[in-house]
Amino acid sequence: MRLRFNEAKVTEAAVYVLRRRGGRMHYLKLLKLLYLADRAALLKWGRPISTDRYVSMDHGPVLSVTLNLINGGYADFGEHWSKAISAKDGAEVELRNTKPDFVAHELLGQIFDQYGHWNRWKIVDFLHTLPEWQDPNGSATPISYRDILAAGQKTPAEISVVEEELESLSAVENILS
């Protein structure tokens, strides 16, 4: 089951985090904060913010499509991202001159308050302790919603309910697209 990637939502989340950080941030730190927010949303509400694909990479879990956006890979996406966030300049991304067009997410604020003052390497070290991350040895290994839910101490019954709801949502997206 794959949910359709929601570029608008991940862009909104990234804009929020970048605004909280003063408009500029190392791309790795941004990716890690967005992963933590998606993970927290999945565990709390049974659905992530971005509906991105997660992979374990050497520096911890990553939102795969968002990483492509950061690296300028806009083949299928990029309309929202490129208007709001600059291409990587060295290792940093920056807000473009955009007005906020969404309401701040309380959950994103909590994640930023908890981890936003950490440097990127402290966040990477923390993410390496999460049970869903497996060392990919220089590659990328997929992380499923089930992996995150199990790591978050959800019961098999709770995991089944979330997966059924996400499958239903995916089916509706496919019908409407």
C-alpha atoms as a PDB file:
ATOM      1  CA  MET A   1       0.000   0.000   0.000  1.00  0.00           C
ATOM      2  CA  ARG A   2       1.353   3.369  -1.036  1.00  0.00           C
ATOM      3  CA  LEU A   3      -0.247   6.683  -0.255  1.00  0.00           C
ATOM      4  CA  ARG A   4       0.198   9.401  -2.831  1.00  0.00           C
ATOM      5  CA  PHE A   5       3.046  11.737  -1.869  1.00  0.00           C
ATOM      6  CA  ASN A   6       1.629  15.053  -0.692  1.00  0.00           C
ATOM      7  CA  GLU A   7       4.109  17.672  -1.844  1.00  0.00           C
ATOM      8  CA  ALA A   8       1.953  20.536  -0.578  1.00  0.00           C
ATOM      9  CA  LYS A   9       1.897  19.100   2.955  1.00  0.00           C
ATOM     10  CA  VAL A  10       5.624  18.393   3.132  1.00  0.00           C
ATOM     11  CA  THR A  11       6.327  21.866   1.744  1.00  0.00           C
ATOM     12  CA  GLU A  12       4.062  23.420   4.397  1.00  0.00           C
ATOM     13  CA  ALA A  13       5.851  21.434   7.082  1.00  0.00           C
ATOM     14  CA  ALA A  14       9.289  22.414   5.758  1.00  0.00           C
ATOM     15  CA  VAL A  15       8.273  26.091   5.540  1.00  0.00           C
ATOM     16  CA  TYR A  16       7.080  25.968   9.151  1.00  0.00           C
ATOM     17  CA  VAL A  17      10.331  24.405  10.373  1.00  0.00           C
ATOM     18  CA  LEU A  18      12.470  26.801   8.332  1.00  0.00           C
ATOM     19  CA  ARG A  19      10.532  29.812   9.638  1.00  0.00           C
ATOM     20  CA  ARG A  20      11.071  28.608  13.210  1.00  0.00           C
ATOM     21  CA  ARG A  21      14.808  28.342  12.436  1.00  0.00           C
ATOM     22  CA  GLY A  22      15.096  31.824  10.914  1.00  0.00           C
ATOM     23  CA  GLY A  23      14.596  30.832   7.281  1.00  0.00           C
ATOM     24  CA  ARG A  24      17.757  28.802   6.613  1.00  0.00           C
ATOM     25  CA  MET A  25      18.906  25.352   7.723  1.00  0.00           C
ATOM     26  CA  HIS A  26      21.217  22.499   6.826  1.00  0.00           C
ATOM     27  CA  TYR A  27      19.202  20.159   4.604  1.00  0.00           C
ATOM     28  CA  LEU A  28      20.088  17.114   6.731  1.00  0.00           C
ATOM     29  CA  LYS A  29      18.633  18.675   9.873  1.00  0.00           C
ATOM     30  CA  LEU A  30      15.487  19.685   7.979  1.00  0.00           C
ATOM     31  CA  LEU A  31      15.047  16.126   6.665  1.00  0.00           C
ATOM     32  CA  LYS A  32      15.462  14.660  10.147  1.00  0.00           C
ATOM     33  CA  LEU A  33      12.982  17.056  11.746  1.00  0.00           C
ATOM     34  CA  LEU A  34      10.449  16.306   8.999  1.00  0.00           C
ATOM     35  CA  TYR A  35      10.939  12.558   9.537  1.00  0.00           C
ATOM     36  CA  LEU A  36      10.402  12.947  13.286  1.00  0.00           C
ATOM     37  CA  ALA A  37       7.207  14.934  12.632  1.00  0.00           C
ATOM     38  CA  ASP A  38       5.904  12.327  10.164  1.00  0.00           C
ATOM     39  CA  ARG A  39       6.749   9.544  12.623  1.00  0.00           C
ATOM     40  CA  ALA A  40       5.008  11.339  15.485  1.00  0.00           C
ATOM     41  CA  ALA A  41       1.912  11.986  13.328  1.00  0.00           C
ATOM     42  CA  LEU A  42       1.752   8.337  12.276  1.00  0.00           C
ATOM     43  CA  LEU A  43       2.009   7.152  15.875  1.00  0.00           C
ATOM     44  CA  LYS A  44      -0.455   9.746  17.202  1.00  0.00           C
ATOM     45  CA  TRP A  45      -3.078   9.935  14.438  1.00  0.00           C
ATOM     46  CA  GLY A  46      -2.476   6.854  12.318  1.00  0.00           C
ATOM     47  CA  ARG A  47      -1.382   8.866   9.263  1.00  0.00           C
ATOM     48  CA  PRO A  48       1.766  10.790   8.439  1.00  0.00           C
ATOM     49  CA  ILE A  49       1.981  14.426   7.390  1.00  0.00           C
ATOM     50  CA  SER A  50       3.833  14.026   4.101  1.00  0.00           C
ATOM     51  CA  THR A  51       2.893  10.499   2.968  1.00  0.00           C
ATOM     52  CA  ASP A  52       6.468  10.317   1.686  1.00  0.00           C
ATOM     53  CA  ARG A  53       8.392   7.051   1.382  1.00  0.00           C
ATOM     54  CA  TYR A  54      10.814   6.368   4.207  1.00  0.00           C
ATOM     55  CA  VAL A  55      14.205   4.760   3.830  1.00  0.00           C
ATOM     56  CA  SER A  56      17.066   3.976   6.202  1.00  0.00           C
ATOM     57  CA  MET A  57      20.245   5.606   4.988  1.00  0.00           C
ATOM     58  CA  ASP A  58      23.654   5.891   6.591  1.00  0.00           C
ATOM     59  CA  HIS A  59      22.686   9.020   8.539  1.00  0.00           C
ATOM     60  CA  GLY A  60      19.346   7.619   9.677  1.00  0.00           C
ATOM     61  CA  PRO A  61      15.798   7.583   8.324  1.00  0.00           C
ATOM     62  CA  VAL A  62      14.989   9.901   5.408  1.00  0.00           C
ATOM     63  CA  LEU A  63      11.892  11.074   3.556  1.00  0.00           C
ATOM     64  CA  SER A  64      12.902   9.811   0.129  1.00  0.00           C
ATOM     65  CA  VAL A  65      10.932  12.061  -2.239  1.00  0.00           C
ATOM     66  CA  THR A  66      11.627  15.097  -0.057  1.00  0.00           C
ATOM     67  CA  LEU A  67      15.346  14.377  -0.324  1.00  0.00           C
ATOM     68  CA  ASN A  68      14.926  14.378  -4.103  1.00  0.00           C
ATOM     69  CA  LEU A  69      13.150  17.742  -3.893  1.00  0.00           C
ATOM     70  CA  ILE A  70      15.984  19.152  -1.788  1.00  0.00           C
ATOM     71  CA  ASN A  71      18.481  17.886  -4.342  1.00  0.00           C
ATOM     72  CA  GLY A  72      16.547  19.565  -7.159  1.00  0.00           C
ATOM     73  CA  GLY A  73      14.925  16.403  -8.508  1.00  0.00           C
ATOM     74  CA  TYR A  74      11.554  17.799  -9.555  1.00  0.00           C
ATOM     75  CA  ALA A  75      10.650  15.232 -12.225  1.00  0.00           C
ATOM     76  CA  ASP A  76       7.163  14.450 -10.927  1.00  0.00           C
ATOM     77  CA  PHE A  77       6.914  17.061  -8.171  1.00  0.00           C
ATOM     78  CA  GLY A  78       8.334  20.430  -7.294  1.00  0.00           C
ATOM     79  CA  GLU A  79       5.579  22.911  -8.014  1.00  0.00           C
ATOM     80  CA  HIS A  80       5.009  23.783  -4.350  1.00  0.00           C
ATOM     81  CA  TRP A  81       8.530  23.103  -3.088  1.00  0.00           C
ATOM     82  CA  SER A  82      10.408  25.179  -5.660  1.00  0.00           C
ATOM     83  CA  LYS A  83       8.160  28.206  -5.055  1.00  0.00           C
ATOM     84  CA  ALA A  84       8.718  28.127  -1.288  1.00  0.00           C
ATOM     85  CA  ILE A  85      12.217  26.729  -0.742  1.00  0.00           C
ATOM     86  CA  SER A  86      15.468  27.395  -2.561  1.00  0.00           C
ATOM     87  CA  ALA A  87      17.590  24.716  -4.126  1.00  0.00           C
ATOM     88  CA  LYS A  88      20.378  23.496  -1.898  1.00  0.00           C
ATOM     89  CA  ASP A  89      23.123  26.112  -1.587  1.00  0.00           C
ATOM     90  CA  GLY A  90      26.079  24.045  -0.477  1.00  0.00           C
ATOM     91  CA  ALA A  91      24.414  22.080   2.274  1.00  0.00           C
ATOM     92  CA  GLU A  92      21.678  24.537   3.233  1.00  0.00           C
ATOM     93  CA  VAL A  93      18.187  25.283   2.022  1.00  0.00           C
ATOM     94  CA  GLU A  94      16.486  28.613   2.476  1.00  0.00           C
ATOM     95  CA  LEU A  95      12.988  30.007   2.382  1.00  0.00           C
ATOM     96  CA  ARG A  96      12.147  32.031  -0.649  1.00  0.00           C
ATOM     97  CA  ASN A  97      10.229  35.258  -0.109  1.00  0.00           C
ATOM     98  CA  THR A  98       6.870  33.594   0.552  1.00  0.00           C
ATOM     99  CA  LYS A  99       3.963  34.459   2.754  1.00  0.00           C
ATOM    100  CA  PRO A 100       2.720  31.811   5.157  1.00  0.00           C
ATOM    101  CA  ASP A 101      -0.268  30.118   3.524  1.00  0.00           C
ATOM    102  CA  PHE A 102      -1.126  27.541   6.153  1.00  0.00           C
ATOM    103  CA  VAL A 103      -1.858  27.216   9.824  1.00  0.00           C
ATOM    104  CA  ALA A 104       1.083  26.004  11.891  1.00  0.00           C
ATOM    105  CA  HIS A 105       0.805  22.419  12.986  1.00  0.00           C
ATOM    106  CA  GLU A 106       0.904  21.964  16.751  1.00  0.00           C
ATOM    107  CA  LEU A 107       2.742  18.675  16.295  1.00  0.00           C
ATOM    108  CA  LEU A 108       5.445  20.323  14.155  1.00  0.00           C
ATOM    109  CA  GLY A 109       5.887  22.924  16.877  1.00  0.00           C
ATOM    110  CA  GLN A 110       6.325  20.194  19.474  1.00  0.00           C
ATOM    111  CA  ILE A 111       8.913  18.413  17.338  1.00  0.00           C
ATOM    112  CA  PHE A 112      10.793  21.658  16.714  1.00  0.00           C
ATOM    113  CA  ASP A 113      10.678  22.577  20.408  1.00  0.00           C
ATOM    114  CA  GLN A 114      12.041  19.157  21.358  1.00  0.00           C
ATOM    115  CA  TYR A 115      14.703  18.677  18.661  1.00  0.00           C
ATOM    116  CA  GLY A 116      15.150  21.974  16.804  1.00  0.00           C
ATOM    117  CA  HIS A 117      17.916  23.212  19.096  1.00  0.00           C
ATOM    118  CA  TRP A 118      19.962  20.037  18.541  1.00  0.00           C
ATOM    119  CA  ASN A 119      22.644  20.092  15.868  1.00  0.00           C
ATOM    120  CA  ARG A 120      22.149  17.774  12.905  1.00  0.00           C
ATOM    121  CA  TRP A 121      24.626  15.156  14.179  1.00  0.00           C
ATOM    122  CA  LYS A 122      22.904  14.860  17.552  1.00  0.00           C
ATOM    123  CA  ILE A 123      19.627  14.284  15.683  1.00  0.00           C
ATOM    124  CA  VAL A 124      21.330  11.697  13.442  1.00  0.00           C
ATOM    125  CA  ASP A 125      22.690   9.903  16.516  1.00  0.00           C
ATOM    126  CA  PHE A 126      19.224   9.918  18.087  1.00  0.00           C
ATOM    127  CA  LEU A 127      17.598   8.580  14.905  1.00  0.00           C
ATOM    128  CA  HIS A 128      20.100   5.716  14.875  1.00  0.00           C
ATOM    129  CA  THR A 129      18.556   4.579  18.177  1.00  0.00           C
ATOM    130  CA  LEU A 130      15.048   4.275  16.709  1.00  0.00           C
ATOM    131  CA  PRO A 131      14.083   0.611  16.227  1.00  0.00           C
ATOM    132  CA  GLU A 132      12.814   1.100  12.662  1.00  0.00           C
ATOM    133  CA  TRP A 133      16.234   2.290  11.430  1.00  0.00           C
ATOM    134  CA  GLN A 134      18.465  -0.482  10.116  1.00  0.00           C
ATOM    135  CA  ASP A 135      22.004   0.272   8.963  1.00  0.00           C
ATOM    136  CA  PRO A 136      21.821   0.091   5.159  1.00  0.00           C
ATOM    137  CA  ASN A 137      25.630  -0.152   4.770  1.00  0.00           C
ATOM    138  CA  GLY A 138      25.859   2.605   2.180  1.00  0.00           C
ATOM    139  CA  SER A 139      22.553   1.842   0.483  1.00  0.00           C
ATOM    140  CA  ALA A 140      18.915   2.641   1.272  1.00  0.00           C
ATOM    141  CA  THR A 141      16.514   0.230   2.960  1.00  0.00           C
ATOM    142  CA  PRO A 142      12.741   0.910   2.936  1.00  0.00           C
ATOM    143  CA  ILE A 143      10.960   1.628   6.221  1.00  0.00           C
ATOM    144  CA  SER A 144       7.265   0.713   6.257  1.00  0.00           C
ATOM    145  CA  TYR A 145       4.450   2.242   8.251  1.00  0.00           C
ATOM    146  CA  ARG A 146       4.245  -1.122  10.050  1.00  0.00           C
ATOM    147  CA  ASP A 147       7.929  -0.804  11.069  1.00  0.00           C
ATOM    148  CA  ILE A 148       7.303   2.628  12.601  1.00  0.00           C
ATOM    149  CA  LEU A 149       4.080   1.594  14.316  1.00  0.00           C
ATOM    150  CA  ALA A 150       5.703  -1.513  15.810  1.00  0.00           C
ATOM    151  CA  ALA A 151       8.694   0.555  16.939  1.00  0.00           C
ATOM    152  CA  GLY A 152       6.215   2.934  18.573  1.00  0.00           C
ATOM    153  CA  GLN A 153       4.822   0.087  20.704  1.00  0.00           C
ATOM    154  CA  LYS A 154       1.532  -0.246  18.817  1.00  0.00           C
ATOM    155  CA  THR A 155      -0.178  -3.616  19.227  1.00  0.00           C
ATOM    156  CA  PRO A 156      -0.749  -5.884  16.228  1.00  0.00           C
ATOM    157  CA  ALA A 157      -4.464  -4.985  16.390  1.00  0.00           C
ATOM    158  CA  GLU A 158      -3.709  -1.246  16.396  1.00  0.00           C
ATOM    159  CA  ILE A 159      -1.295  -1.699  13.492  1.00  0.00           C
ATOM    160  CA  SER A 160      -3.949  -3.576  11.511  1.00  0.00           C
ATOM    161  CA  VAL A 161      -6.502  -0.806  12.078  1.00  0.00           C
ATOM    162  CA  VAL A 162      -4.066   1.883  10.907  1.00  0.00           C
ATOM    163  CA  GLU A 163      -3.041  -0.158   7.869  1.00  0.00           C
ATOM    164  CA  GLU A 164      -6.688  -0.759   6.927  1.00  0.00           C
ATOM    165  CA  GLU A 165      -7.452   2.966   7.219  1.00  0.00           C
ATOM    166  CA  LEU A 166      -4.401   3.875   5.140  1.00  0.00           C
ATOM    167  CA  GLU A 167      -5.338   1.279   2.507  1.00  0.00           C
ATOM    168  CA  SER A 168      -8.831   2.754   2.313  1.00  0.00           C
ATOM    169  CA  LEU A 169      -7.366   6.235   1.946  1.00  0.00           C
ATOM    170  CA  SER A 170      -5.021   4.981  -0.784  1.00  0.00           C
ATOM    171  CA  ALA A 171      -7.944   3.355  -2.640  1.00  0.00           C
ATOM    172  CA  VAL A 172      -9.933   6.608  -2.503  1.00  0.00           C
ATOM    173  CA  GLU A 173      -6.912   8.557  -3.793  1.00  0.00           C
ATOM    174  CA  ASN A 174      -6.573   6.126  -6.693  1.00  0.00           C
ATOM    175  CA  ILE A 175     -10.252   6.444  -7.583  1.00  0.00           C
ATOM    176  CA  LEU A 176     -10.117  10.247  -7.479  1.00  0.00           C
ATOM    177  CA  SER A 177      -6.913  10.564  -9.480  1.00  0.00           C
END
